[in-house]
Amino acid sequence: MTTRNRRRTRLSASALLALALATAGVPALTTPAAAAPGAVAKTDRLGMGLVGFDAKVAEAHGYRVVTLPDGSQSSVPADKATAATEGRYVPEHGVLKPGSSMSTNSYGAATGECGSSWVGLDPRGGGRATLTTGMTLVQASGGPWDIHWHVDISDNGGHSTQNYDEYDGYYSGLGLSWAASARTLNLTRGWANATVTWGSFTITEAGWLCYSYSPTTSTTIT
C-alpha cells in the first residue's frame, strides 16, 4: 500500500465519502482565448464548513486535536493543548460542537467556519469558457494541506466533472489560499452552469476537514 493510500484510510467517514464520489468525463482542454465581445464572466463565492479533524495531520504540523470542557472538539497548537482541555485557553475558530457533524452556523454565507470557496465561468467565444475555482481559509486552519475538489459542468451538451486532487502538502507554503490553474473548456453554445460539488474538501495543516458549501455560477456560452 502506498503512502497516498494509507492517508486515505485515516480519513473520517465524511472525508471517505467525498473521495468515493463518482466522476464523469472531462471536457476537452484548449489554449485560452480572448474574451468574446459582450460575454459576461460570472463568479460565485460561498463558505466552507468544518466537519471533523485528521489527528495525524494535525500532530505532524504541531497541533493536537483535543476535547474542550463543554465536549466540543478542536485542533489547537500542541503547546496549548493542556490549557484548552482545562478551559484556560479557548480557541476562537475550528470548534466542532458536541454531537455535531458539521459547523452549519454560517451555511449559505460567503464565509464559513473554515473560510470561503469560489467558482467562476468566463465565456471566451467559439463555444469555449474559462473555468476558475479555489478557496481562502482562515488563519487558524493553517492553510490547505490535501485538496479533493470537483466542479460539475452542465450545458446544452450534457454534464461533466473537472477534478482537482493533490496530496501530502502539495500546496503547503502557499499561505491560506489555493486557486486551481484556469482551464479552458470546449462547451456547447447557450446556458452553462459550474458548481463546486458538496463533496469538495480540504484537509488543512491543523488537521481540519473543511467542506465547500458548493458555490454555483451560470453564464451564456457564445
N, C-alpha and C. Protein backbone atom coordinates (compact mmCIF):
# COMPACT_ATOMS: atom_id res chain seq x y z
N MET A 1 0.86 -1.20 0.00
CA MET A 1 0.00 0.00 0.00
C MET A 1 0.89 1.24 0.00
N THR A 2 0.58 2.20 -0.85
CA THR A 2 1.39 3.40 -0.95
C THR A 2 1.09 4.35 0.18
N THR A 3 1.96 5.37 0.35
CA THR A 3 1.72 6.39 1.36
C THR A 3 0.41 7.11 1.10
N ARG A 4 0.14 7.38 -0.19
CA ARG A 4 -1.10 8.08 -0.54
C ARG A 4 -2.31 7.27 -0.09
N ASN A 5 -2.32 5.98 -0.34
CA ASN A 5 -3.46 5.17 0.06
C ASN A 5 -3.58 5.05 1.57
N ARG A 6 -2.46 5.01 2.29
CA ARG A 6 -2.53 4.97 3.75
C ARG A 6 -3.18 6.23 4.27
N ARG A 7 -2.89 7.39 3.64
CA ARG A 7 -3.52 8.63 4.07
C ARG A 7 -5.02 8.51 3.98
N ARG A 8 -5.52 7.92 2.91
CA ARG A 8 -6.97 7.82 2.72
C ARG A 8 -7.62 6.97 3.80
N THR A 9 -6.95 5.94 4.29
CA THR A 9 -7.56 5.08 5.30
C THR A 9 -7.68 5.77 6.64
N ARG A 10 -6.97 6.88 6.85
CA ARG A 10 -7.04 7.57 8.12
C ARG A 10 -8.16 8.60 8.15
N LEU A 11 -8.79 8.90 7.03
CA LEU A 11 -9.79 9.95 6.98
C LEU A 11 -11.07 9.52 7.67
N SER A 12 -11.86 10.53 8.09
CA SER A 12 -13.15 10.26 8.70
C SER A 12 -14.12 9.72 7.66
N ALA A 13 -15.26 9.23 8.12
CA ALA A 13 -16.25 8.68 7.19
C ALA A 13 -16.72 9.74 6.21
N SER A 14 -16.88 10.98 6.66
CA SER A 14 -17.33 12.04 5.76
C SER A 14 -16.30 12.32 4.69
N ALA A 15 -15.02 12.28 5.04
CA ALA A 15 -13.97 12.51 4.06
C ALA A 15 -13.91 11.36 3.05
N LEU A 16 -14.04 10.13 3.53
CA LEU A 16 -14.03 8.99 2.64
C LEU A 16 -15.20 9.04 1.66
N LEU A 17 -16.34 9.55 2.12
CA LEU A 17 -17.49 9.69 1.24
C LEU A 17 -17.17 10.62 0.09
N ALA A 18 -16.48 11.72 0.39
CA ALA A 18 -16.13 12.67 -0.67
C ALA A 18 -15.19 12.04 -1.68
N LEU A 19 -14.21 11.28 -1.19
CA LEU A 19 -13.25 10.65 -2.10
C LEU A 19 -13.90 9.59 -2.97
N ALA A 20 -15.05 9.05 -2.54
CA ALA A 20 -15.72 8.00 -3.29
C ALA A 20 -16.72 8.54 -4.31
N LEU A 21 -16.83 9.86 -4.44
CA LEU A 21 -17.78 10.44 -5.38
C LEU A 21 -17.49 9.94 -6.80
N ALA A 22 -18.53 9.59 -7.51
CA ALA A 22 -18.34 9.16 -8.90
C ALA A 22 -17.91 10.35 -9.74
N THR A 23 -17.00 10.11 -10.69
CA THR A 23 -16.54 11.18 -11.57
C THR A 23 -17.02 10.91 -12.98
N ALA A 24 -17.30 12.00 -13.68
CA ALA A 24 -17.76 11.89 -15.07
C ALA A 24 -16.63 12.28 -16.00
N GLY A 25 -16.92 12.28 -17.31
CA GLY A 25 -15.89 12.65 -18.28
C GLY A 25 -15.49 14.09 -18.15
N VAL A 26 -14.30 14.43 -18.64
CA VAL A 26 -13.76 15.77 -18.54
C VAL A 26 -13.81 16.43 -19.90
N PRO A 27 -14.38 17.66 -20.01
CA PRO A 27 -14.40 18.34 -21.29
C PRO A 27 -13.00 18.57 -21.81
N ALA A 28 -12.85 18.60 -23.12
CA ALA A 28 -11.53 18.81 -23.70
C ALA A 28 -10.98 20.17 -23.33
N LEU A 29 -9.66 20.24 -23.13
CA LEU A 29 -8.99 21.47 -22.78
C LEU A 29 -8.33 22.06 -24.01
N THR A 30 -8.35 23.39 -24.11
CA THR A 30 -7.71 24.07 -25.22
C THR A 30 -6.93 25.25 -24.69
N THR A 31 -6.17 25.89 -25.57
CA THR A 31 -5.44 27.07 -25.18
C THR A 31 -6.40 28.22 -24.92
N PRO A 32 -6.26 28.98 -23.80
CA PRO A 32 -7.18 30.08 -23.51
C PRO A 32 -7.27 31.08 -24.65
N ALA A 33 -8.48 31.54 -24.91
CA ALA A 33 -8.70 32.51 -25.98
C ALA A 33 -9.12 33.84 -25.39
N ALA A 34 -9.14 34.86 -26.22
CA ALA A 34 -9.58 36.18 -25.77
C ALA A 34 -11.07 36.15 -25.48
N ALA A 35 -11.51 37.00 -24.57
CA ALA A 35 -12.93 37.05 -24.21
C ALA A 35 -13.77 37.44 -25.40
N ALA A 36 -14.92 36.81 -25.53
CA ALA A 36 -15.83 37.13 -26.62
C ALA A 36 -16.51 38.47 -26.36
N PRO A 37 -16.77 39.25 -27.42
CA PRO A 37 -17.46 40.53 -27.24
C PRO A 37 -18.81 40.33 -26.58
N GLY A 38 -19.08 41.08 -25.54
CA GLY A 38 -20.36 41.01 -24.85
C GLY A 38 -20.48 39.86 -23.87
N ALA A 39 -19.46 39.00 -23.78
CA ALA A 39 -19.52 37.87 -22.85
C ALA A 39 -19.41 38.37 -21.42
N VAL A 40 -20.09 37.67 -20.51
CA VAL A 40 -20.12 38.07 -19.11
C VAL A 40 -19.54 36.97 -18.24
N ALA A 41 -18.43 37.27 -17.53
CA ALA A 41 -17.86 36.31 -16.60
C ALA A 41 -18.68 36.31 -15.32
N LYS A 42 -18.95 35.14 -14.78
CA LYS A 42 -19.75 35.02 -13.57
C LYS A 42 -18.96 34.24 -12.52
N THR A 43 -18.92 34.78 -11.29
CA THR A 43 -18.23 34.13 -10.19
C THR A 43 -19.14 34.10 -8.97
N ASP A 44 -19.16 32.98 -8.26
CA ASP A 44 -19.95 32.86 -7.05
C ASP A 44 -19.04 32.41 -5.91
N ARG A 45 -19.32 32.90 -4.71
CA ARG A 45 -18.50 32.57 -3.54
C ARG A 45 -19.41 32.15 -2.39
N LEU A 46 -19.06 31.02 -1.74
CA LEU A 46 -19.77 30.55 -0.55
C LEU A 46 -18.74 30.03 0.46
N GLY A 47 -19.18 29.88 1.70
CA GLY A 47 -18.28 29.50 2.77
C GLY A 47 -17.85 28.04 2.72
N MET A 48 -17.01 27.68 3.69
CA MET A 48 -16.59 26.30 3.89
C MET A 48 -16.81 25.93 5.34
N GLY A 49 -17.39 24.74 5.57
CA GLY A 49 -17.75 24.32 6.92
C GLY A 49 -16.83 23.25 7.46
N LEU A 50 -16.60 23.28 8.76
CA LEU A 50 -15.79 22.29 9.45
C LEU A 50 -16.62 21.03 9.73
N VAL A 51 -16.08 19.84 9.37
CA VAL A 51 -16.82 18.59 9.60
C VAL A 51 -16.09 17.64 10.54
N GLY A 52 -14.82 17.88 10.80
CA GLY A 52 -14.07 16.97 11.67
C GLY A 52 -12.59 17.27 11.63
N PHE A 53 -11.78 16.31 12.10
CA PHE A 53 -10.34 16.52 12.20
C PHE A 53 -9.57 15.27 11.81
N ASP A 54 -8.39 15.46 11.26
CA ASP A 54 -7.45 14.38 11.00
C ASP A 54 -6.31 14.56 12.00
N ALA A 55 -6.32 13.74 13.06
CA ALA A 55 -5.38 13.92 14.16
C ALA A 55 -3.93 13.72 13.72
N LYS A 56 -3.68 12.80 12.80
CA LYS A 56 -2.30 12.54 12.37
C LYS A 56 -1.72 13.73 11.60
N VAL A 57 -2.52 14.33 10.73
CA VAL A 57 -2.06 15.52 10.01
C VAL A 57 -1.81 16.67 10.98
N ALA A 58 -2.74 16.84 11.94
CA ALA A 58 -2.58 17.90 12.93
C ALA A 58 -1.28 17.73 13.71
N GLU A 59 -1.02 16.54 14.22
CA GLU A 59 0.18 16.28 15.01
C GLU A 59 1.45 16.48 14.20
N ALA A 60 1.40 16.15 12.91
CA ALA A 60 2.58 16.30 12.05
C ALA A 60 2.96 17.77 11.86
N HIS A 61 2.02 18.68 12.14
CA HIS A 61 2.28 20.09 11.96
C HIS A 61 2.25 20.88 13.27
N GLY A 62 2.38 20.19 14.38
CA GLY A 62 2.48 20.87 15.66
C GLY A 62 1.17 21.22 16.32
N TYR A 63 0.08 20.54 15.92
CA TYR A 63 -1.23 20.76 16.52
C TYR A 63 -1.66 19.49 17.24
N ARG A 64 -2.70 19.61 18.05
CA ARG A 64 -3.26 18.44 18.72
C ARG A 64 -4.78 18.58 18.77
N VAL A 65 -5.48 17.52 18.42
CA VAL A 65 -6.94 17.50 18.49
C VAL A 65 -7.33 17.21 19.94
N VAL A 66 -8.12 18.10 20.53
CA VAL A 66 -8.46 17.98 21.95
C VAL A 66 -9.97 18.08 22.14
N THR A 67 -10.43 17.64 23.32
CA THR A 67 -11.81 17.81 23.72
C THR A 67 -11.87 18.93 24.75
N LEU A 68 -12.70 19.93 24.47
CA LEU A 68 -12.83 21.09 25.36
C LEU A 68 -13.78 20.76 26.51
N PRO A 69 -13.80 21.59 27.56
CA PRO A 69 -14.64 21.30 28.73
C PRO A 69 -16.12 21.09 28.42
N ASP A 70 -16.65 21.74 27.38
CA ASP A 70 -18.07 21.56 27.05
C ASP A 70 -18.33 20.37 26.13
N GLY A 71 -17.28 19.59 25.82
CA GLY A 71 -17.43 18.43 24.97
C GLY A 71 -17.13 18.69 23.51
N SER A 72 -16.90 19.95 23.13
CA SER A 72 -16.54 20.29 21.76
C SER A 72 -15.15 19.76 21.44
N GLN A 73 -14.88 19.60 20.17
CA GLN A 73 -13.54 19.21 19.72
C GLN A 73 -12.90 20.37 18.97
N SER A 74 -11.57 20.43 19.06
CA SER A 74 -10.84 21.46 18.34
C SER A 74 -9.42 20.99 18.11
N SER A 75 -8.76 21.57 17.14
CA SER A 75 -7.34 21.33 16.91
C SER A 75 -6.60 22.60 17.29
N VAL A 76 -5.71 22.50 18.27
CA VAL A 76 -5.03 23.68 18.80
C VAL A 76 -3.52 23.45 18.75
N PRO A 77 -2.71 24.53 18.81
CA PRO A 77 -1.26 24.34 18.89
C PRO A 77 -0.93 23.41 20.05
N ALA A 78 0.02 22.50 19.83
CA ALA A 78 0.32 21.47 20.82
C ALA A 78 0.67 22.05 22.18
N ASP A 79 1.34 23.21 22.19
CA ASP A 79 1.73 23.79 23.47
C ASP A 79 0.56 24.41 24.24
N LYS A 80 -0.63 24.46 23.60
CA LYS A 80 -1.81 24.98 24.27
C LYS A 80 -2.85 23.89 24.52
N ALA A 81 -2.49 22.64 24.23
CA ALA A 81 -3.46 21.55 24.33
C ALA A 81 -3.97 21.36 25.75
N THR A 82 -3.07 21.33 26.74
CA THR A 82 -3.48 21.13 28.13
C THR A 82 -4.36 22.28 28.60
N ALA A 83 -3.96 23.50 28.28
CA ALA A 83 -4.75 24.66 28.68
C ALA A 83 -6.14 24.63 28.05
N ALA A 84 -6.24 24.14 26.80
CA ALA A 84 -7.54 24.06 26.13
C ALA A 84 -8.44 23.05 26.81
N THR A 85 -7.91 21.89 27.17
CA THR A 85 -8.74 20.87 27.81
C THR A 85 -9.19 21.30 29.20
N GLU A 86 -8.43 22.19 29.84
CA GLU A 86 -8.77 22.67 31.18
C GLU A 86 -9.58 23.97 31.14
N GLY A 87 -9.83 24.50 29.97
CA GLY A 87 -10.62 25.72 29.84
C GLY A 87 -9.84 27.00 30.01
N ARG A 88 -8.53 26.91 30.11
CA ARG A 88 -7.72 28.13 30.28
C ARG A 88 -7.34 28.75 28.94
N TYR A 89 -7.55 28.02 27.87
CA TYR A 89 -7.36 28.54 26.51
C TYR A 89 -8.58 28.17 25.70
N VAL A 90 -9.22 29.19 25.10
CA VAL A 90 -10.46 28.98 24.34
C VAL A 90 -10.20 29.33 22.88
N PRO A 91 -10.14 28.35 21.98
CA PRO A 91 -9.93 28.64 20.56
C PRO A 91 -11.11 29.40 19.97
N GLU A 92 -10.83 30.38 19.14
CA GLU A 92 -11.89 31.19 18.54
C GLU A 92 -12.44 30.57 17.27
N HIS A 93 -11.65 29.74 16.60
CA HIS A 93 -12.07 29.11 15.35
C HIS A 93 -11.76 27.62 15.39
N GLY A 94 -12.40 26.88 14.49
CA GLY A 94 -12.13 25.46 14.38
C GLY A 94 -12.67 24.64 15.53
N VAL A 95 -13.87 24.97 16.01
CA VAL A 95 -14.50 24.26 17.12
C VAL A 95 -15.74 23.53 16.61
N LEU A 96 -15.78 22.22 16.84
CA LEU A 96 -16.92 21.41 16.43
C LEU A 96 -17.71 21.04 17.68
N LYS A 97 -18.95 21.50 17.73
CA LYS A 97 -19.79 21.31 18.91
C LYS A 97 -20.09 19.82 19.15
N PRO A 98 -20.32 19.42 20.40
CA PRO A 98 -20.60 18.01 20.70
C PRO A 98 -21.85 17.52 19.98
N GLY A 99 -21.75 16.34 19.38
CA GLY A 99 -22.88 15.77 18.67
C GLY A 99 -23.10 16.31 17.28
N SER A 100 -22.26 17.26 16.85
CA SER A 100 -22.43 17.87 15.54
C SER A 100 -21.51 17.19 14.53
N SER A 101 -21.98 17.06 13.29
CA SER A 101 -21.16 16.50 12.23
C SER A 101 -20.66 17.58 11.28
N MET A 102 -21.10 18.83 11.51
CA MET A 102 -20.66 19.93 10.65
C MET A 102 -21.00 21.25 11.31
N SER A 103 -20.11 22.24 11.16
CA SER A 103 -20.39 23.57 11.69
C SER A 103 -21.25 24.32 10.67
N THR A 104 -22.56 24.32 10.87
CA THR A 104 -23.50 24.87 9.89
C THR A 104 -24.04 26.23 10.30
N ASN A 105 -23.44 26.84 11.31
CA ASN A 105 -23.96 28.12 11.78
C ASN A 105 -23.89 29.19 10.69
N SER A 106 -22.99 29.03 9.73
CA SER A 106 -22.86 30.03 8.68
C SER A 106 -23.19 29.46 7.32
N TYR A 107 -23.96 28.36 7.27
CA TYR A 107 -24.27 27.73 5.98
C TYR A 107 -24.98 28.73 5.07
N GLY A 108 -24.51 28.81 3.84
CA GLY A 108 -25.08 29.72 2.86
C GLY A 108 -24.42 31.08 2.85
N ALA A 109 -23.57 31.37 3.84
CA ALA A 109 -22.87 32.66 3.88
C ALA A 109 -21.63 32.61 3.00
N ALA A 110 -21.12 33.77 2.65
CA ALA A 110 -19.93 33.86 1.80
C ALA A 110 -18.69 33.36 2.53
N THR A 111 -18.70 33.44 3.87
CA THR A 111 -17.57 32.95 4.67
C THR A 111 -18.10 32.04 5.77
N GLY A 112 -17.55 30.83 5.86
CA GLY A 112 -17.96 29.87 6.87
C GLY A 112 -16.90 29.73 7.94
N GLU A 113 -17.03 28.68 8.79
CA GLU A 113 -16.10 28.45 9.88
C GLU A 113 -14.66 28.28 9.37
N CYS A 114 -14.51 27.65 8.20
CA CYS A 114 -13.18 27.41 7.65
C CYS A 114 -12.69 28.53 6.73
N GLY A 115 -13.61 29.28 6.16
CA GLY A 115 -13.24 30.30 5.18
C GLY A 115 -14.24 30.32 4.05
N SER A 116 -13.76 30.48 2.81
CA SER A 116 -14.67 30.60 1.68
C SER A 116 -14.13 29.83 0.48
N SER A 117 -15.05 29.50 -0.44
CA SER A 117 -14.70 28.83 -1.69
C SER A 117 -15.41 29.53 -2.83
N TRP A 118 -14.89 29.37 -4.03
CA TRP A 118 -15.46 30.11 -5.16
C TRP A 118 -15.29 29.34 -6.46
N VAL A 119 -16.13 29.73 -7.44
CA VAL A 119 -16.04 29.17 -8.78
C VAL A 119 -16.43 30.25 -9.77
N GLY A 120 -15.76 30.29 -10.91
CA GLY A 120 -16.05 31.28 -11.94
C GLY A 120 -16.08 30.63 -13.32
N LEU A 121 -16.93 31.15 -14.20
CA LEU A 121 -17.04 30.65 -15.57
C LEU A 121 -17.08 31.86 -16.49
N ASP A 122 -16.10 31.97 -17.38
CA ASP A 122 -15.91 33.16 -18.22
C ASP A 122 -16.01 32.77 -19.69
N PRO A 123 -17.10 33.14 -20.39
CA PRO A 123 -17.23 32.82 -21.82
C PRO A 123 -16.10 33.48 -22.62
N ARG A 124 -15.53 32.71 -23.57
CA ARG A 124 -14.42 33.21 -24.37
C ARG A 124 -14.73 33.26 -25.86
N GLY A 125 -15.94 32.88 -26.26
CA GLY A 125 -16.28 32.83 -27.68
C GLY A 125 -15.91 31.50 -28.29
N GLY A 126 -16.52 31.19 -29.42
CA GLY A 126 -16.21 29.94 -30.11
C GLY A 126 -16.62 28.70 -29.34
N GLY A 127 -17.61 28.83 -28.44
CA GLY A 127 -18.05 27.70 -27.64
C GLY A 127 -17.12 27.35 -26.50
N ARG A 128 -16.24 28.26 -26.13
CA ARG A 128 -15.28 27.99 -25.06
C ARG A 128 -15.55 28.88 -23.84
N ALA A 129 -15.08 28.40 -22.69
CA ALA A 129 -15.20 29.17 -21.44
C ALA A 129 -14.03 28.81 -20.54
N THR A 130 -13.59 29.80 -19.76
CA THR A 130 -12.50 29.57 -18.81
C THR A 130 -13.09 29.30 -17.43
N LEU A 131 -12.70 28.17 -16.84
CA LEU A 131 -13.16 27.77 -15.51
C LEU A 131 -12.09 28.10 -14.48
N THR A 132 -12.48 28.78 -13.41
CA THR A 132 -11.58 29.06 -12.29
C THR A 132 -12.27 28.64 -11.00
N THR A 133 -11.50 28.21 -10.02
CA THR A 133 -12.06 27.80 -8.73
C THR A 133 -10.96 27.82 -7.68
N GLY A 134 -11.37 27.88 -6.40
CA GLY A 134 -10.38 27.88 -5.34
C GLY A 134 -11.00 28.12 -3.98
N MET A 135 -10.15 28.41 -3.01
CA MET A 135 -10.59 28.62 -1.63
C MET A 135 -9.65 29.58 -0.92
N THR A 136 -10.16 30.23 0.12
CA THR A 136 -9.35 31.03 1.03
C THR A 136 -9.76 30.66 2.45
N LEU A 137 -8.80 30.17 3.25
CA LEU A 137 -9.11 29.66 4.58
C LEU A 137 -8.73 30.65 5.67
N VAL A 138 -9.30 30.46 6.85
CA VAL A 138 -8.99 31.34 7.98
C VAL A 138 -7.61 30.98 8.54
N GLN A 139 -7.01 31.93 9.22
CA GLN A 139 -5.64 31.79 9.72
C GLN A 139 -5.46 30.55 10.60
N ALA A 140 -6.40 30.29 11.50
CA ALA A 140 -6.23 29.20 12.46
C ALA A 140 -6.19 27.83 11.81
N SER A 141 -6.64 27.71 10.57
CA SER A 141 -6.66 26.41 9.89
C SER A 141 -5.28 25.94 9.49
N GLY A 142 -4.34 26.86 9.36
CA GLY A 142 -3.01 26.53 8.90
C GLY A 142 -2.86 26.49 7.40
N GLY A 143 -3.96 26.65 6.66
CA GLY A 143 -3.91 26.61 5.20
C GLY A 143 -4.12 25.21 4.65
N PRO A 144 -4.41 25.07 3.36
CA PRO A 144 -4.72 23.76 2.76
C PRO A 144 -3.50 22.84 2.76
N TRP A 145 -3.75 21.55 3.02
CA TRP A 145 -2.72 20.52 3.00
C TRP A 145 -3.04 19.52 1.89
N ASP A 146 -4.09 18.74 2.03
CA ASP A 146 -4.61 17.90 0.95
C ASP A 146 -5.83 18.58 0.36
N ILE A 147 -6.02 18.42 -0.96
CA ILE A 147 -7.16 19.04 -1.63
C ILE A 147 -7.86 17.99 -2.49
N HIS A 148 -9.18 17.89 -2.34
CA HIS A 148 -10.00 16.96 -3.11
C HIS A 148 -11.20 17.78 -3.62
N TRP A 149 -11.12 18.25 -4.85
CA TRP A 149 -12.02 19.29 -5.35
C TRP A 149 -12.64 18.85 -6.65
N HIS A 150 -13.93 19.11 -6.82
CA HIS A 150 -14.65 18.67 -8.01
C HIS A 150 -15.63 19.76 -8.43
N VAL A 151 -15.63 20.10 -9.71
CA VAL A 151 -16.55 21.10 -10.25
C VAL A 151 -17.40 20.45 -11.33
N ASP A 152 -18.71 20.41 -11.11
CA ASP A 152 -19.64 19.87 -12.10
C ASP A 152 -19.94 20.93 -13.15
N ILE A 153 -19.90 20.53 -14.41
CA ILE A 153 -20.20 21.41 -15.53
C ILE A 153 -21.46 20.89 -16.22
N SER A 154 -22.45 21.77 -16.42
CA SER A 154 -23.66 21.41 -17.16
C SER A 154 -23.88 22.44 -18.25
N ASP A 155 -24.18 21.97 -19.45
CA ASP A 155 -24.51 22.88 -20.55
C ASP A 155 -25.46 22.16 -21.50
N ASN A 156 -25.73 22.77 -22.64
CA ASN A 156 -26.65 22.16 -23.59
C ASN A 156 -26.12 20.84 -24.15
N GLY A 157 -24.84 20.58 -23.97
CA GLY A 157 -24.26 19.34 -24.48
C GLY A 157 -24.25 18.22 -23.47
N GLY A 158 -24.61 18.48 -22.21
CA GLY A 158 -24.65 17.43 -21.20
C GLY A 158 -23.94 17.82 -19.91
N HIS A 159 -23.34 16.84 -19.24
CA HIS A 159 -22.72 17.04 -17.93
C HIS A 159 -21.32 16.44 -17.92
N SER A 160 -20.45 17.03 -17.11
CA SER A 160 -19.10 16.51 -16.93
C SER A 160 -18.57 17.01 -15.59
N THR A 161 -17.40 16.52 -15.18
CA THR A 161 -16.80 16.93 -13.92
C THR A 161 -15.32 17.24 -14.11
N GLN A 162 -14.89 18.37 -13.57
CA GLN A 162 -13.48 18.71 -13.53
C GLN A 162 -12.96 18.37 -12.13
N ASN A 163 -11.90 17.59 -12.04
CA ASN A 163 -11.38 17.11 -10.76
C ASN A 163 -10.00 17.70 -10.48
N TYR A 164 -9.79 18.05 -9.20
CA TYR A 164 -8.51 18.58 -8.74
C TYR A 164 -8.17 17.85 -7.43
N ASP A 165 -7.14 17.03 -7.44
CA ASP A 165 -6.75 16.28 -6.25
C ASP A 165 -5.25 16.38 -6.04
N GLU A 166 -4.85 16.88 -4.87
CA GLU A 166 -3.43 16.96 -4.52
C GLU A 166 -3.26 16.43 -3.10
N TYR A 167 -2.11 15.78 -2.86
CA TYR A 167 -1.92 15.06 -1.61
C TYR A 167 -0.65 15.52 -0.88
N ASP A 168 -0.68 15.32 0.42
CA ASP A 168 0.50 15.41 1.27
C ASP A 168 1.30 16.71 1.10
N GLY A 169 0.62 17.81 1.22
CA GLY A 169 1.31 19.08 1.27
C GLY A 169 1.73 19.66 -0.05
N TYR A 170 1.09 19.25 -1.13
CA TYR A 170 1.45 19.79 -2.44
C TYR A 170 1.37 21.31 -2.45
N TYR A 171 0.37 21.86 -1.75
CA TYR A 171 0.20 23.31 -1.72
C TYR A 171 0.73 23.94 -0.43
N SER A 172 1.42 23.16 0.37
CA SER A 172 1.96 23.70 1.61
C SER A 172 2.92 24.85 1.31
N GLY A 173 2.90 25.87 2.14
CA GLY A 173 3.79 27.00 1.97
C GLY A 173 3.22 28.11 1.10
N LEU A 174 2.03 27.89 0.52
CA LEU A 174 1.43 28.92 -0.32
C LEU A 174 0.47 29.81 0.45
N GLY A 175 0.47 29.71 1.78
CA GLY A 175 -0.40 30.55 2.58
C GLY A 175 -1.77 29.95 2.79
N LEU A 176 -2.77 30.81 2.92
CA LEU A 176 -4.11 30.36 3.27
C LEU A 176 -5.01 30.15 2.07
N SER A 177 -4.53 30.46 0.87
CA SER A 177 -5.37 30.39 -0.32
C SER A 177 -4.86 29.35 -1.31
N TRP A 178 -5.79 28.76 -2.03
CA TRP A 178 -5.47 27.89 -3.16
C TRP A 178 -6.36 28.27 -4.31
N ALA A 179 -5.76 28.46 -5.49
CA ALA A 179 -6.52 28.71 -6.71
C ALA A 179 -6.05 27.70 -7.74
N ALA A 180 -6.97 26.93 -8.27
CA ALA A 180 -6.63 25.96 -9.30
C ALA A 180 -6.19 26.68 -10.57
N SER A 181 -5.33 26.04 -11.34
CA SER A 181 -4.95 26.60 -12.64
C SER A 181 -6.20 26.72 -13.51
N ALA A 182 -6.34 27.85 -14.18
CA ALA A 182 -7.51 28.06 -15.04
C ALA A 182 -7.55 27.01 -16.15
N ARG A 183 -8.75 26.50 -16.44
CA ARG A 183 -8.94 25.53 -17.50
C ARG A 183 -9.91 26.09 -18.53
N THR A 184 -9.54 26.00 -19.80
CA THR A 184 -10.44 26.42 -20.87
C THR A 184 -11.17 25.21 -21.39
N LEU A 185 -12.50 25.25 -21.34
CA LEU A 185 -13.35 24.12 -21.69
C LEU A 185 -14.03 24.34 -23.03
N ASN A 186 -14.18 23.28 -23.80
CA ASN A 186 -15.00 23.30 -25.00
C ASN A 186 -16.42 22.92 -24.61
N LEU A 187 -17.35 23.86 -24.72
CA LEU A 187 -18.72 23.64 -24.31
C LEU A 187 -19.67 23.86 -25.48
N THR A 188 -20.96 23.68 -25.23
CA THR A 188 -21.99 23.90 -26.23
C THR A 188 -22.60 25.28 -26.04
N ARG A 189 -22.81 26.00 -27.10
CA ARG A 189 -23.35 27.36 -27.00
C ARG A 189 -24.71 27.35 -26.30
N GLY A 190 -24.94 28.43 -25.54
CA GLY A 190 -26.16 28.55 -24.76
C GLY A 190 -25.84 28.62 -23.28
N TRP A 191 -26.78 28.20 -22.43
CA TRP A 191 -26.59 28.29 -20.99
C TRP A 191 -25.52 27.30 -20.53
N ALA A 192 -24.89 27.64 -19.41
CA ALA A 192 -23.92 26.72 -18.79
C ALA A 192 -23.82 27.02 -17.31
N ASN A 193 -23.69 25.97 -16.50
CA ASN A 193 -23.53 26.11 -15.05
C ASN A 193 -22.22 25.45 -14.62
N ALA A 194 -21.60 26.02 -13.58
CA ALA A 194 -20.43 25.42 -12.94
C ALA A 194 -20.69 25.40 -11.44
N THR A 195 -20.58 24.22 -10.82
CA THR A 195 -20.89 24.05 -9.40
C THR A 195 -19.79 23.27 -8.70
N VAL A 196 -19.23 23.85 -7.63
CA VAL A 196 -18.32 23.08 -6.78
C VAL A 196 -19.17 22.06 -6.04
N THR A 197 -18.86 20.78 -6.17
CA THR A 197 -19.74 19.76 -5.59
C THR A 197 -19.68 19.78 -4.07
N TRP A 198 -20.74 19.24 -3.45
CA TRP A 198 -20.81 19.18 -2.00
C TRP A 198 -19.68 18.35 -1.42
N GLY A 199 -19.15 17.39 -2.16
CA GLY A 199 -18.07 16.55 -1.66
C GLY A 199 -16.69 17.15 -1.79
N SER A 200 -16.56 18.40 -2.19
CA SER A 200 -15.25 19.02 -2.33
C SER A 200 -14.74 19.49 -0.97
N PHE A 201 -13.50 19.10 -0.63
CA PHE A 201 -12.99 19.46 0.69
C PHE A 201 -11.47 19.56 0.69
N THR A 202 -10.96 20.09 1.78
CA THR A 202 -9.52 20.12 2.02
C THR A 202 -9.24 19.64 3.43
N ILE A 203 -8.07 19.04 3.62
CA ILE A 203 -7.53 18.78 4.95
C ILE A 203 -6.46 19.84 5.18
N THR A 204 -6.58 20.61 6.24
CA THR A 204 -5.64 21.71 6.47
C THR A 204 -4.45 21.24 7.28
N GLU A 205 -3.45 22.11 7.39
CA GLU A 205 -2.26 21.76 8.16
C GLU A 205 -2.58 21.55 9.64
N ALA A 206 -3.63 22.20 10.13
CA ALA A 206 -4.05 22.00 11.52
C ALA A 206 -4.95 20.77 11.67
N GLY A 207 -5.14 20.03 10.58
CA GLY A 207 -5.95 18.81 10.64
C GLY A 207 -7.44 19.02 10.49
N TRP A 208 -7.88 20.22 10.11
CA TRP A 208 -9.30 20.45 9.90
C TRP A 208 -9.75 19.74 8.63
N LEU A 209 -10.96 19.19 8.65
CA LEU A 209 -11.62 18.71 7.44
C LEU A 209 -12.68 19.75 7.08
N CYS A 210 -12.46 20.44 5.98
CA CYS A 210 -13.31 21.57 5.60
C CYS A 210 -13.98 21.31 4.26
N TYR A 211 -15.32 21.37 4.25
CA TYR A 211 -16.11 21.12 3.06
C TYR A 211 -16.65 22.43 2.49
N SER A 212 -16.67 22.51 1.15
CA SER A 212 -17.25 23.67 0.49
C SER A 212 -18.76 23.66 0.62
N TYR A 213 -19.37 24.84 0.78
CA TYR A 213 -20.81 24.99 0.77
C TYR A 213 -21.38 24.99 -0.65
N SER A 214 -20.55 24.65 -1.64
CA SER A 214 -20.99 24.37 -3.00
C SER A 214 -21.46 25.61 -3.78
N PRO A 215 -20.57 26.59 -4.00
CA PRO A 215 -20.95 27.73 -4.83
C PRO A 215 -21.26 27.28 -6.26
N THR A 216 -22.16 27.99 -6.93
CA THR A 216 -22.51 27.67 -8.30
C THR A 216 -22.68 28.95 -9.10
N THR A 217 -22.35 28.91 -10.37
CA THR A 217 -22.47 30.09 -11.21
C THR A 217 -23.00 29.69 -12.58
N SER A 218 -23.69 30.61 -13.24
CA SER A 218 -24.27 30.35 -14.56
C SER A 218 -23.91 31.48 -15.53
N THR A 219 -23.77 31.14 -16.79
CA THR A 219 -23.49 32.15 -17.80
C THR A 219 -23.98 31.64 -19.15
N THR A 220 -23.78 32.43 -20.18
CA THR A 220 -24.16 32.05 -21.54
C THR A 220 -22.91 31.85 -22.39
N ILE A 221 -22.78 30.67 -22.97
CA ILE A 221 -21.64 30.35 -23.81
C ILE A 221 -21.94 30.85 -25.23
N THR A 222 -20.98 31.59 -25.79
CA THR A 222 -21.20 32.20 -27.11
C THR A 222 -20.35 31.52 -28.18
